[in-house]
Full PDB file with SEQRES, HELIX, SHEET, SSBOND, CRYST1, ORIGX, SCALE, CONECT and MASTER records, all heavy atoms in Angstrom:
SEQRES   1 A   37  VAL ALA ALA PRO ALA TYR ALA GLY ASP LEU PRO GLN ARG          
SEQRES   2 A   37  ASN TYR ASN ASN PRO GLN VAL TYR ARG ASN LEU PHE ASN          
SEQRES   3 A   37  TRP THR GLY PHE TYR ALA GLY VAL HIS ALA GLY                  
HELIX    1 AA1 ALA A    3  ALA A    7  1                                   5    
CRYST1    1.000    1.000    1.000  90.00  90.00  90.00 P 1           1          
ORIGX1      1.000000  0.000000  0.000000        0.00000                         
ORIGX2      0.000000  1.000000  0.000000        0.00000                         
ORIGX3      0.000000  0.000000  1.000000        0.00000                         
SCALE1      1.000000  0.000000  0.000000        0.00000                         
SCALE2      0.000000  1.000000  0.000000        0.00000                         
SCALE3      0.000000  0.000000  1.000000        0.00000                         
ATOM      1  N   VAL A   1      51.437 100.826 -47.250  1.00  0.00           N  
ATOM      2  CA  VAL A   1      50.865 102.151 -47.033  1.00  0.00           C  
ATOM      3  C   VAL A   1      49.432 102.115 -47.539  1.00  0.00           C  
ATOM      4  O   VAL A   1      48.577 102.732 -46.884  1.00  0.00           O  
ATOM      5  CB  VAL A   1      51.638 103.187 -47.843  1.00  0.00           C  
ATOM      6  CG1 VAL A   1      50.956 104.568 -47.813  1.00  0.00           C  
ATOM      7  CG2 VAL A   1      53.065 103.327 -47.217  1.00  0.00           C  
ATOM      8  N   ALA A   2      49.086 101.423 -48.623  1.00  0.00           N  
ATOM      9  CA  ALA A   2      47.773 101.424 -49.161  1.00  0.00           C  
ATOM     10  C   ALA A   2      46.781 100.529 -48.409  1.00  0.00           C  
ATOM     11  O   ALA A   2      45.561 100.740 -48.454  1.00  0.00           O  
ATOM     12  CB  ALA A   2      47.818 100.978 -50.643  1.00  0.00           C  
ATOM     13  N   ALA A   3      47.292  99.546 -47.703  1.00  0.00           N  
ATOM     14  CA  ALA A   3      46.500  98.577 -47.080  1.00  0.00           C  
ATOM     15  C   ALA A   3      45.442  99.176 -46.065  1.00  0.00           C  
ATOM     16  O   ALA A   3      44.245  98.783 -46.140  1.00  0.00           O  
ATOM     17  CB  ALA A   3      47.345  97.522 -46.259  1.00  0.00           C  
ATOM     18  N   PRO A   4      45.780 100.114 -45.218  1.00  0.00           N  
ATOM     19  CA  PRO A   4      44.783 100.651 -44.313  1.00  0.00           C  
ATOM     20  C   PRO A   4      43.604 101.358 -45.058  1.00  0.00           C  
ATOM     21  O   PRO A   4      42.481 101.316 -44.650  1.00  0.00           O  
ATOM     22  CB  PRO A   4      45.573 101.727 -43.479  1.00  0.00           C  
ATOM     23  CG  PRO A   4      46.971 101.192 -43.540  1.00  0.00           C  
ATOM     24  CD  PRO A   4      47.151 100.639 -44.945  1.00  0.00           C  
ATOM     25  N   ALA A   5      43.868 101.975 -46.250  1.00  0.00           N  
ATOM     26  CA  ALA A   5      42.882 102.673 -46.987  1.00  0.00           C  
ATOM     27  C   ALA A   5      41.855 101.702 -47.527  1.00  0.00           C  
ATOM     28  O   ALA A   5      40.641 101.892 -47.514  1.00  0.00           O  
ATOM     29  CB  ALA A   5      43.453 103.506 -48.143  1.00  0.00           C  
ATOM     30  N   TYR A   6      42.395 100.526 -48.105  1.00  0.00           N  
ATOM     31  CA  TYR A   6      41.480  99.531 -48.619  1.00  0.00           C  
ATOM     32  C   TYR A   6      40.759  98.787 -47.527  1.00  0.00           C  
ATOM     33  O   TYR A   6      39.597  98.386 -47.662  1.00  0.00           O  
ATOM     34  CB  TYR A   6      42.311  98.508 -49.491  1.00  0.00           C  
ATOM     35  CG  TYR A   6      42.700  99.115 -50.803  1.00  0.00           C  
ATOM     36  CD1 TYR A   6      43.980  99.497 -51.061  1.00  0.00           C  
ATOM     37  CD2 TYR A   6      41.758  99.231 -51.821  1.00  0.00           C  
ATOM     38  CE1 TYR A   6      44.390 100.031 -52.245  1.00  0.00           C  
ATOM     39  CE2 TYR A   6      42.109  99.791 -53.047  1.00  0.00           C  
ATOM     40  CZ  TYR A   6      43.428 100.172 -53.289  1.00  0.00           C  
ATOM     41  OH  TYR A   6      43.785 100.640 -54.503  1.00  0.00           O  
ATOM     42  N   ALA A   7      41.420  98.662 -46.396  1.00  0.00           N  
ATOM     43  CA  ALA A   7      40.787  97.943 -45.275  1.00  0.00           C  
ATOM     44  C   ALA A   7      39.540  98.620 -44.803  1.00  0.00           C  
ATOM     45  O   ALA A   7      38.590  97.966 -44.260  1.00  0.00           O  
ATOM     46  CB  ALA A   7      41.799  97.760 -44.113  1.00  0.00           C  
ATOM     47  N   GLY A   8      39.467  99.989 -44.945  1.00  0.00           N  
ATOM     48  CA  GLY A   8      38.270 100.661 -44.508  1.00  0.00           C  
ATOM     49  C   GLY A   8      37.038 100.245 -45.278  1.00  0.00           C  
ATOM     50  O   GLY A   8      35.886 100.503 -44.845  1.00  0.00           O  
ATOM     51  N   ASP A   9      37.226  99.681 -46.480  1.00  0.00           N  
ATOM     52  CA  ASP A   9      36.056  99.278 -47.272  1.00  0.00           C  
ATOM     53  C   ASP A   9      35.640  97.887 -46.979  1.00  0.00           C  
ATOM     54  O   ASP A   9      34.676  97.406 -47.546  1.00  0.00           O  
ATOM     55  CB  ASP A   9      36.428  99.426 -48.761  1.00  0.00           C  
ATOM     56  CG  ASP A   9      36.687 100.849 -49.185  1.00  0.00           C  
ATOM     57  OD1 ASP A   9      36.046 101.769 -48.546  1.00  0.00           O  
ATOM     58  OD2 ASP A   9      37.522 101.121 -50.062  1.00  0.00           O  
ATOM     59  N   LEU A  10      36.471  97.056 -46.275  1.00  0.00           N  
ATOM     60  CA  LEU A  10      36.121  95.688 -45.944  1.00  0.00           C  
ATOM     61  C   LEU A  10      35.332  95.602 -44.683  1.00  0.00           C  
ATOM     62  O   LEU A  10      35.412  96.501 -43.758  1.00  0.00           O  
ATOM     63  CB  LEU A  10      37.458  94.945 -45.769  1.00  0.00           C  
ATOM     64  CG  LEU A  10      38.337  94.829 -47.076  1.00  0.00           C  
ATOM     65  CD1 LEU A  10      39.647  94.126 -46.695  1.00  0.00           C  
ATOM     66  CD2 LEU A  10      37.619  94.159 -48.209  1.00  0.00           C  
ATOM     67  N   PRO A  11      34.479  94.576 -44.530  1.00  0.00           N  
ATOM     68  CA  PRO A  11      33.702  94.326 -43.284  1.00  0.00           C  
ATOM     69  C   PRO A  11      34.700  94.241 -42.117  1.00  0.00           C  
ATOM     70  O   PRO A  11      35.722  93.572 -42.166  1.00  0.00           O  
ATOM     71  CB  PRO A  11      32.989  93.070 -43.516  1.00  0.00           C  
ATOM     72  CG  PRO A  11      32.932  92.907 -45.032  1.00  0.00           C  
ATOM     73  CD  PRO A  11      34.270  93.462 -45.495  1.00  0.00           C  
ATOM     74  N   GLN A  12      34.342  94.900 -41.009  1.00  0.00           N  
ATOM     75  CA  GLN A  12      35.171  94.897 -39.834  1.00  0.00           C  
ATOM     76  C   GLN A  12      34.541  94.001 -38.787  1.00  0.00           C  
ATOM     77  O   GLN A  12      33.381  94.093 -38.482  1.00  0.00           O  
ATOM     78  CB  GLN A  12      35.348  96.310 -39.254  1.00  0.00           C  
ATOM     79  CG  GLN A  12      35.998  97.303 -40.230  1.00  0.00           C  
ATOM     80  CD  GLN A  12      37.432  96.851 -40.612  1.00  0.00           C  
ATOM     81  OE1 GLN A  12      38.236  96.698 -39.661  1.00  0.00           O  
ATOM     82  NE2 GLN A  12      37.677  96.746 -41.801  1.00  0.00           N  
ATOM     83  N   ARG A  13      35.298  93.075 -38.214  1.00  0.00           N  
ATOM     84  CA  ARG A  13      34.776  92.186 -37.157  1.00  0.00           C  
ATOM     85  C   ARG A  13      35.007  92.813 -35.810  1.00  0.00           C  
ATOM     86  O   ARG A  13      36.084  93.319 -35.440  1.00  0.00           O  
ATOM     87  CB  ARG A  13      35.589  90.845 -37.223  1.00  0.00           C  
ATOM     88  CG  ARG A  13      35.086  89.844 -36.189  1.00  0.00           C  
ATOM     89  CD  ARG A  13      35.750  88.487 -36.328  1.00  0.00           C  
ATOM     90  NE  ARG A  13      35.451  87.908 -37.612  1.00  0.00           N  
ATOM     91  CZ  ARG A  13      34.334  87.164 -37.741  1.00  0.00           C  
ATOM     92  NH1 ARG A  13      33.458  87.011 -36.777  1.00  0.00           N  
ATOM     93  NH2 ARG A  13      34.116  86.585 -38.937  1.00  0.00           N  
ATOM     94  N   ASN A  14      33.937  92.824 -35.004  1.00  0.00           N  
ATOM     95  CA  ASN A  14      33.982  93.336 -33.671  1.00  0.00           C  
ATOM     96  C   ASN A  14      33.989  92.090 -32.744  1.00  0.00           C  
ATOM     97  O   ASN A  14      33.026  91.418 -32.609  1.00  0.00           O  
ATOM     98  CB  ASN A  14      32.810  94.194 -33.360  1.00  0.00           C  
ATOM     99  CG  ASN A  14      32.875  94.904 -31.995  1.00  0.00           C  
ATOM    100  OD1 ASN A  14      33.479  94.363 -31.099  1.00  0.00           O  
ATOM    101  ND2 ASN A  14      32.265  96.064 -31.912  1.00  0.00           N  
ATOM    102  N   TYR A  15      35.120  91.837 -32.111  1.00  0.00           N  
ATOM    103  CA  TYR A  15      35.262  90.645 -31.287  1.00  0.00           C  
ATOM    104  C   TYR A  15      34.496  90.779 -29.983  1.00  0.00           C  
ATOM    105  O   TYR A  15      34.349  89.763 -29.218  1.00  0.00           O  
ATOM    106  CB  TYR A  15      36.707  90.317 -31.033  1.00  0.00           C  
ATOM    107  CG  TYR A  15      37.374  89.891 -32.288  1.00  0.00           C  
ATOM    108  CD1 TYR A  15      38.196  90.804 -33.017  1.00  0.00           C  
ATOM    109  CD2 TYR A  15      37.286  88.602 -32.713  1.00  0.00           C  
ATOM    110  CE1 TYR A  15      38.786  90.428 -34.219  1.00  0.00           C  
ATOM    111  CE2 TYR A  15      37.936  88.184 -33.884  1.00  0.00           C  
ATOM    112  CZ  TYR A  15      38.699  89.094 -34.627  1.00  0.00           C  
ATOM    113  OH  TYR A  15      39.295  88.690 -35.791  1.00  0.00           O  
ATOM    114  N   ASN A  16      34.011  92.001 -29.571  1.00  0.00           N  
ATOM    115  CA  ASN A  16      33.251  92.186 -28.355  1.00  0.00           C  
ATOM    116  C   ASN A  16      31.737  91.963 -28.561  1.00  0.00           C  
ATOM    117  O   ASN A  16      31.025  91.814 -27.579  1.00  0.00           O  
ATOM    118  CB  ASN A  16      33.539  93.545 -27.750  1.00  0.00           C  
ATOM    119  CG  ASN A  16      35.030  93.667 -27.369  1.00  0.00           C  
ATOM    120  OD1 ASN A  16      35.593  92.754 -26.851  1.00  0.00           O  
ATOM    121  ND2 ASN A  16      35.531  94.858 -27.670  1.00  0.00           N  
ATOM    122  N   ASN A  17      31.328  92.083 -29.768  1.00  0.00           N  
ATOM    123  CA  ASN A  17      29.890  91.978 -30.123  1.00  0.00           C  
ATOM    124  C   ASN A  17      29.700  91.062 -31.294  1.00  0.00           C  
ATOM    125  O   ASN A  17      30.579  90.945 -32.140  1.00  0.00           O  
ATOM    126  CB  ASN A  17      29.304  93.396 -30.417  1.00  0.00           C  
ATOM    127  CG  ASN A  17      29.373  94.319 -29.233  1.00  0.00           C  
ATOM    128  OD1 ASN A  17      28.765  94.054 -28.197  1.00  0.00           O  
ATOM    129  ND2 ASN A  17      30.084  95.417 -29.407  1.00  0.00           N  
ATOM    130  N   PRO A  18      28.491  90.475 -31.372  1.00  0.00           N  
ATOM    131  CA  PRO A  18      28.169  89.643 -32.662  1.00  0.00           C  
ATOM    132  C   PRO A  18      28.312  90.504 -33.859  1.00  0.00           C  
ATOM    133  O   PRO A  18      28.025  91.671 -33.877  1.00  0.00           O  
ATOM    134  CB  PRO A  18      26.737  89.191 -32.339  1.00  0.00           C  
ATOM    135  CG  PRO A  18      26.541  89.340 -30.921  1.00  0.00           C  
ATOM    136  CD  PRO A  18      27.368  90.517 -30.517  1.00  0.00           C  
ATOM    137  N   GLN A  19      28.690  89.804 -34.989  1.00  0.00           N  
ATOM    138  CA  GLN A  19      28.792  90.495 -36.262  1.00  0.00           C  
ATOM    139  C   GLN A  19      27.413  91.002 -36.749  1.00  0.00           C  
ATOM    140  O   GLN A  19      26.498  90.237 -36.634  1.00  0.00           O  
ATOM    141  CB  GLN A  19      29.381  89.554 -37.302  1.00  0.00           C  
ATOM    142  CG  GLN A  19      29.600  90.218 -38.695  1.00  0.00           C  
ATOM    143  CD  GLN A  19      30.679  91.257 -38.696  1.00  0.00           C  
ATOM    144  OE1 GLN A  19      31.683  91.046 -38.022  1.00  0.00           O  
ATOM    145  NE2 GLN A  19      30.510  92.236 -39.478  1.00  0.00           N  
ATOM    146  N   VAL A  20      27.291  92.258 -37.085  1.00  0.00           N  
ATOM    147  CA  VAL A  20      26.060  92.746 -37.633  1.00  0.00           C  
ATOM    148  C   VAL A  20      26.298  93.045 -39.133  1.00  0.00           C  
ATOM    149  O   VAL A  20      27.287  93.803 -39.473  1.00  0.00           O  
ATOM    150  CB  VAL A  20      25.679  94.061 -36.895  1.00  0.00           C  
ATOM    151  CG1 VAL A  20      24.443  94.703 -37.555  1.00  0.00           C  
ATOM    152  CG2 VAL A  20      25.377  93.760 -35.403  1.00  0.00           C  
ATOM    153  N   TYR A  21      25.470  92.550 -39.983  1.00  0.00           N  
ATOM    154  CA  TYR A  21      25.567  92.736 -41.400  1.00  0.00           C  
ATOM    155  C   TYR A  21      24.574  93.800 -41.840  1.00  0.00           C  
ATOM    156  O   TYR A  21      23.393  93.654 -41.575  1.00  0.00           O  
ATOM    157  CB  TYR A  21      25.329  91.420 -42.123  1.00  0.00           C  
ATOM    158  CG  TYR A  21      26.383  90.335 -41.832  1.00  0.00           C  
ATOM    159  CD1 TYR A  21      26.142  89.444 -40.841  1.00  0.00           C  
ATOM    160  CD2 TYR A  21      27.629  90.375 -42.448  1.00  0.00           C  
ATOM    161  CE1 TYR A  21      27.106  88.441 -40.560  1.00  0.00           C  
ATOM    162  CE2 TYR A  21      28.576  89.393 -42.209  1.00  0.00           C  
ATOM    163  CZ  TYR A  21      28.280  88.496 -41.212  1.00  0.00           C  
ATOM    164  OH  TYR A  21      29.236  87.526 -40.903  1.00  0.00           O  
ATOM    165  N   ARG A  22      25.066  94.767 -42.604  1.00  0.00           N  
ATOM    166  CA  ARG A  22      24.269  95.818 -43.139  1.00  0.00           C  
ATOM    167  C   ARG A  22      23.572  95.435 -44.413  1.00  0.00           C  
ATOM    168  O   ARG A  22      24.269  94.836 -45.272  1.00  0.00           O  
ATOM    169  CB  ARG A  22      25.045  97.132 -43.289  1.00  0.00           C  
ATOM    170  CG  ARG A  22      25.628  97.681 -42.017  1.00  0.00           C  
ATOM    171  CD  ARG A  22      26.480  98.885 -42.351  1.00  0.00           C  
ATOM    172  NE  ARG A  22      27.073  99.421 -41.143  1.00  0.00           N  
ATOM    173  CZ  ARG A  22      26.539 100.343 -40.403  1.00  0.00           C  
ATOM    174  NH1 ARG A  22      25.358 100.816 -40.698  1.00  0.00           N  
ATOM    175  NH2 ARG A  22      27.124 100.828 -39.253  1.00  0.00           N  
ATOM    176  N   ASN A  23      22.247  95.681 -44.530  1.00  0.00           N  
ATOM    177  CA  ASN A  23      21.559  95.323 -45.785  1.00  0.00           C  
ATOM    178  C   ASN A  23      21.982  96.321 -46.879  1.00  0.00           C  
ATOM    179  O   ASN A  23      22.262  97.527 -46.577  1.00  0.00           O  
ATOM    180  CB  ASN A  23      20.050  95.414 -45.562  1.00  0.00           C  
ATOM    181  CG  ASN A  23      19.524  94.253 -44.752  1.00  0.00           C  
ATOM    182  OD1 ASN A  23      19.913  93.111 -45.058  1.00  0.00           O  
ATOM    183  ND2 ASN A  23      18.741  94.569 -43.801  1.00  0.00           N  
ATOM    184  N   LEU A  24      22.042  95.869 -48.084  1.00  0.00           N  
ATOM    185  CA  LEU A  24      22.338  96.721 -49.244  1.00  0.00           C  
ATOM    186  C   LEU A  24      21.151  97.661 -49.553  1.00  0.00           C  
ATOM    187  O   LEU A  24      21.266  98.767 -49.965  1.00  0.00           O  
ATOM    188  CB  LEU A  24      22.710  95.925 -50.471  1.00  0.00           C  
ATOM    189  CG  LEU A  24      23.922  95.037 -50.300  1.00  0.00           C  
ATOM    190  CD1 LEU A  24      24.136  94.184 -51.569  1.00  0.00           C  
ATOM    191  CD2 LEU A  24      25.124  95.815 -50.001  1.00  0.00           C  
ATOM    192  N   PHE A  25      19.912  97.167 -49.264  1.00  0.00           N  
ATOM    193  CA  PHE A  25      18.701  97.901 -49.529  1.00  0.00           C  
ATOM    194  C   PHE A  25      18.050  98.335 -48.160  1.00  0.00           C  
ATOM    195  O   PHE A  25      18.042  97.564 -47.238  1.00  0.00           O  
ATOM    196  CB  PHE A  25      17.691  97.092 -50.348  1.00  0.00           C  
ATOM    197  CG  PHE A  25      16.436  97.829 -50.636  1.00  0.00           C  
ATOM    198  CD1 PHE A  25      16.375  98.759 -51.728  1.00  0.00           C  
ATOM    199  CD2 PHE A  25      15.306  97.681 -49.869  1.00  0.00           C  
ATOM    200  CE1 PHE A  25      15.264  99.445 -52.012  1.00  0.00           C  
ATOM    201  CE2 PHE A  25      14.127  98.358 -50.111  1.00  0.00           C  
ATOM    202  CZ  PHE A  25      14.088  99.254 -51.222  1.00  0.00           C  
ATOM    203  N   ASN A  26      17.490  99.525 -48.144  1.00  0.00           N  
ATOM    204  CA  ASN A  26      16.860  99.997 -46.941  1.00  0.00           C  
ATOM    205  C   ASN A  26      15.385 100.223 -47.191  1.00  0.00           C  
ATOM    206  O   ASN A  26      15.041 100.993 -48.137  1.00  0.00           O  
ATOM    207  CB  ASN A  26      17.528 101.233 -46.390  1.00  0.00           C  
ATOM    208  CG  ASN A  26      17.125 101.557 -45.015  1.00  0.00           C  
ATOM    209  OD1 ASN A  26      15.930 101.869 -44.737  1.00  0.00           O  
ATOM    210  ND2 ASN A  26      18.072 101.541 -44.058  1.00  0.00           N  
ATOM    211  N   TRP A  27      14.464  99.690 -46.302  1.00  0.00           N  
ATOM    212  CA  TRP A  27      13.036  99.794 -46.521  1.00  0.00           C  
ATOM    213  C   TRP A  27      12.441 101.061 -45.918  1.00  0.00           C  
ATOM    214  O   TRP A  27      11.210 101.273 -46.059  1.00  0.00           O  
ATOM    215  CB  TRP A  27      12.347  98.590 -45.977  1.00  0.00           C  
ATOM    216  CG  TRP A  27      12.582  97.331 -46.718  1.00  0.00           C  
ATOM    217  CD1 TRP A  27      13.678  96.546 -46.672  1.00  0.00           C  
ATOM    218  CD2 TRP A  27      11.729  96.732 -47.682  1.00  0.00           C  
ATOM    219  NE1 TRP A  27      13.580  95.449 -47.489  1.00  0.00           N  
ATOM    220  CE2 TRP A  27      12.369  95.582 -48.175  1.00  0.00           C  
ATOM    221  CE3 TRP A  27      10.481  97.071 -48.130  1.00  0.00           C  
ATOM    222  CZ2 TRP A  27      11.803  94.709 -49.098  1.00  0.00           C  
ATOM    223  CZ3 TRP A  27       9.879  96.226 -49.087  1.00  0.00           C  
ATOM    224  CH2 TRP A  27      10.524  95.009 -49.518  1.00  0.00           C  
ATOM    225  N   THR A  28      13.282 101.903 -45.337  1.00  0.00           N  
ATOM    226  CA  THR A  28      12.692 103.076 -44.676  1.00  0.00           C  
ATOM    227  C   THR A  28      12.028 104.003 -45.707  1.00  0.00           C  
ATOM    228  O   THR A  28      12.707 104.342 -46.725  1.00  0.00           O  
ATOM    229  CB  THR A  28      13.808 103.821 -43.957  1.00  0.00           C  
ATOM    230  OG1 THR A  28      14.289 102.972 -42.903  1.00  0.00           O  
ATOM    231  CG2 THR A  28      13.259 105.164 -43.310  1.00  0.00           C  
ATOM    232  N   GLY A  29      10.811 104.541 -45.376  1.00  0.00           N  
ATOM    233  CA  GLY A  29      10.235 105.518 -46.239  1.00  0.00           C  
ATOM    234  C   GLY A  29       8.736 105.264 -46.437  1.00  0.00           C  
ATOM    235  O   GLY A  29       8.159 104.267 -45.963  1.00  0.00           O  
ATOM    236  N   PHE A  30       8.073 106.216 -47.120  1.00  0.00           N  
ATOM    237  CA  PHE A  30       6.666 106.128 -47.406  1.00  0.00           C  
ATOM    238  C   PHE A  30       6.426 105.326 -48.690  1.00  0.00           C  
ATOM    239  O   PHE A  30       7.294 105.250 -49.593  1.00  0.00           O  
ATOM    240  CB  PHE A  30       6.078 107.529 -47.630  1.00  0.00           C  
ATOM    241  CG  PHE A  30       5.988 108.373 -46.349  1.00  0.00           C  
ATOM    242  CD1 PHE A  30       6.968 109.269 -46.016  1.00  0.00           C  
ATOM    243  CD2 PHE A  30       4.894 108.212 -45.510  1.00  0.00           C  
ATOM    244  CE1 PHE A  30       6.900 109.996 -44.879  1.00  0.00           C  
ATOM    245  CE2 PHE A  30       4.821 108.975 -44.341  1.00  0.00           C  
ATOM    246  CZ  PHE A  30       5.798 109.850 -44.029  1.00  0.00           C  
ATOM    247  N   TYR A  31       5.216 104.687 -48.768  1.00  0.00           N  
ATOM    248  CA  TYR A  31       4.886 103.964 -49.911  1.00  0.00           C  
ATOM    249  C   TYR A  31       3.368 103.947 -50.133  1.00  0.00           C  
ATOM    250  O   TYR A  31       2.593 104.249 -49.187  1.00  0.00           O  
ATOM    251  CB  TYR A  31       5.342 102.495 -49.831  1.00  0.00           C  
ATOM    252  CG  TYR A  31       4.778 101.744 -48.695  1.00  0.00           C  
ATOM    253  CD1 TYR A  31       3.512 101.056 -48.840  1.00  0.00           C  
ATOM    254  CD2 TYR A  31       5.365 101.647 -47.447  1.00  0.00           C  
ATOM    255  CE1 TYR A  31       2.994 100.361 -47.775  1.00  0.00           C  
ATOM    256  CE2 TYR A  31       4.791 101.002 -46.389  1.00  0.00           C  
ATOM    257  CZ  TYR A  31       3.636 100.323 -46.546  1.00  0.00           C  
ATOM    258  OH  TYR A  31       3.062  99.616 -45.467  1.00  0.00           O  
ATOM    259  N   ALA A  32       2.878 103.664 -51.319  1.00  0.00           N  
ATOM    260  CA  ALA A  32       1.502 103.578 -51.642  1.00  0.00           C  
ATOM    261  C   ALA A  32       1.284 102.543 -52.714  1.00  0.00           C  
ATOM    262  O   ALA A  32       2.205 102.429 -53.561  1.00  0.00           O  
ATOM    263  CB  ALA A  32       0.883 104.883 -52.007  1.00  0.00           C  
ATOM    264  N   GLY A  33       0.179 101.910 -52.796  1.00  0.00           N  
ATOM    265  CA  GLY A  33      -0.065 100.922 -53.851  1.00  0.00           C  
ATOM    266  C   GLY A  33      -1.472 100.381 -53.906  1.00  0.00           C  
ATOM    267  O   GLY A  33      -2.403 100.906 -53.265  1.00  0.00           O  
ATOM    268  N   VAL A  34      -1.629  99.298 -54.645  1.00  0.00           N  
ATOM    269  CA  VAL A  34      -2.996  98.688 -54.861  1.00  0.00           C  
ATOM    270  C   VAL A  34      -2.819  97.174 -54.569  1.00  0.00           C  
ATOM    271  O   VAL A  34      -1.741  96.645 -54.590  1.00  0.00           O  
ATOM    272  CB  VAL A  34      -3.454  98.901 -56.265  1.00  0.00           C  
ATOM    273  CG1 VAL A  34      -3.759 100.448 -56.522  1.00  0.00           C  
ATOM    274  CG2 VAL A  34      -2.484  98.375 -57.291  1.00  0.00           C  
ATOM    275  N   HIS A  35      -4.020  96.550 -54.353  1.00  0.00           N  
ATOM    276  CA  HIS A  35      -4.021  95.142 -54.078  1.00  0.00           C  
ATOM    277  C   HIS A  35      -5.287  94.540 -54.620  1.00  0.00           C  
ATOM    278  O   HIS A  35      -6.287  95.220 -54.803  1.00  0.00           O  
ATOM    279  CB  HIS A  35      -3.883  94.811 -52.574  1.00  0.00           C  
ATOM    280  CG  HIS A  35      -5.014  95.362 -51.780  1.00  0.00           C  
ATOM    281  ND1 HIS A  35      -4.833  96.545 -51.013  1.00  0.00           N  
ATOM    282  CD2 HIS A  35      -6.296  94.941 -51.442  1.00  0.00           C  
ATOM    283  CE1 HIS A  35      -5.958  96.781 -50.383  1.00  0.00           C  
ATOM    284  NE2 HIS A  35      -6.819  95.849 -50.629  1.00  0.00           N  
ATOM    285  N   ALA A  36      -5.282  93.229 -54.801  1.00  0.00           N  
ATOM    286  CA  ALA A  36      -6.473  92.496 -55.285  1.00  0.00           C  
ATOM    287  C   ALA A  36      -6.313  91.020 -54.821  1.00  0.00           C  
ATOM    288  O   ALA A  36      -5.226  90.515 -54.586  1.00  0.00           O  
ATOM    289  CB  ALA A  36      -6.585  92.539 -56.839  1.00  0.00           C  
ATOM    290  N   GLY A  37      -7.454  90.370 -54.725  1.00  0.00           N  
ATOM    291  CA  GLY A  37      -7.441  88.989 -54.244  1.00  0.00           C  
ATOM    292  C   GLY A  37      -8.826  88.345 -54.004  1.00  0.00           C  
ATOM    293  O   GLY A  37      -9.763  88.717 -54.700  1.00  0.00           O  
TER     294      GLY A  37                                                      
MASTER        0    0    0    1    0    0    0    6  293    1    0    3          
END                                                                             
């Protein structure tokens, strides 16, 4: 009974498309900074 619930948290393989891995960090957004060289 519990297996389907836990399975939702595991990576799912799509046999019709290449496996796509999601990054843990996302770079989307604004930023500002300084540089030297």
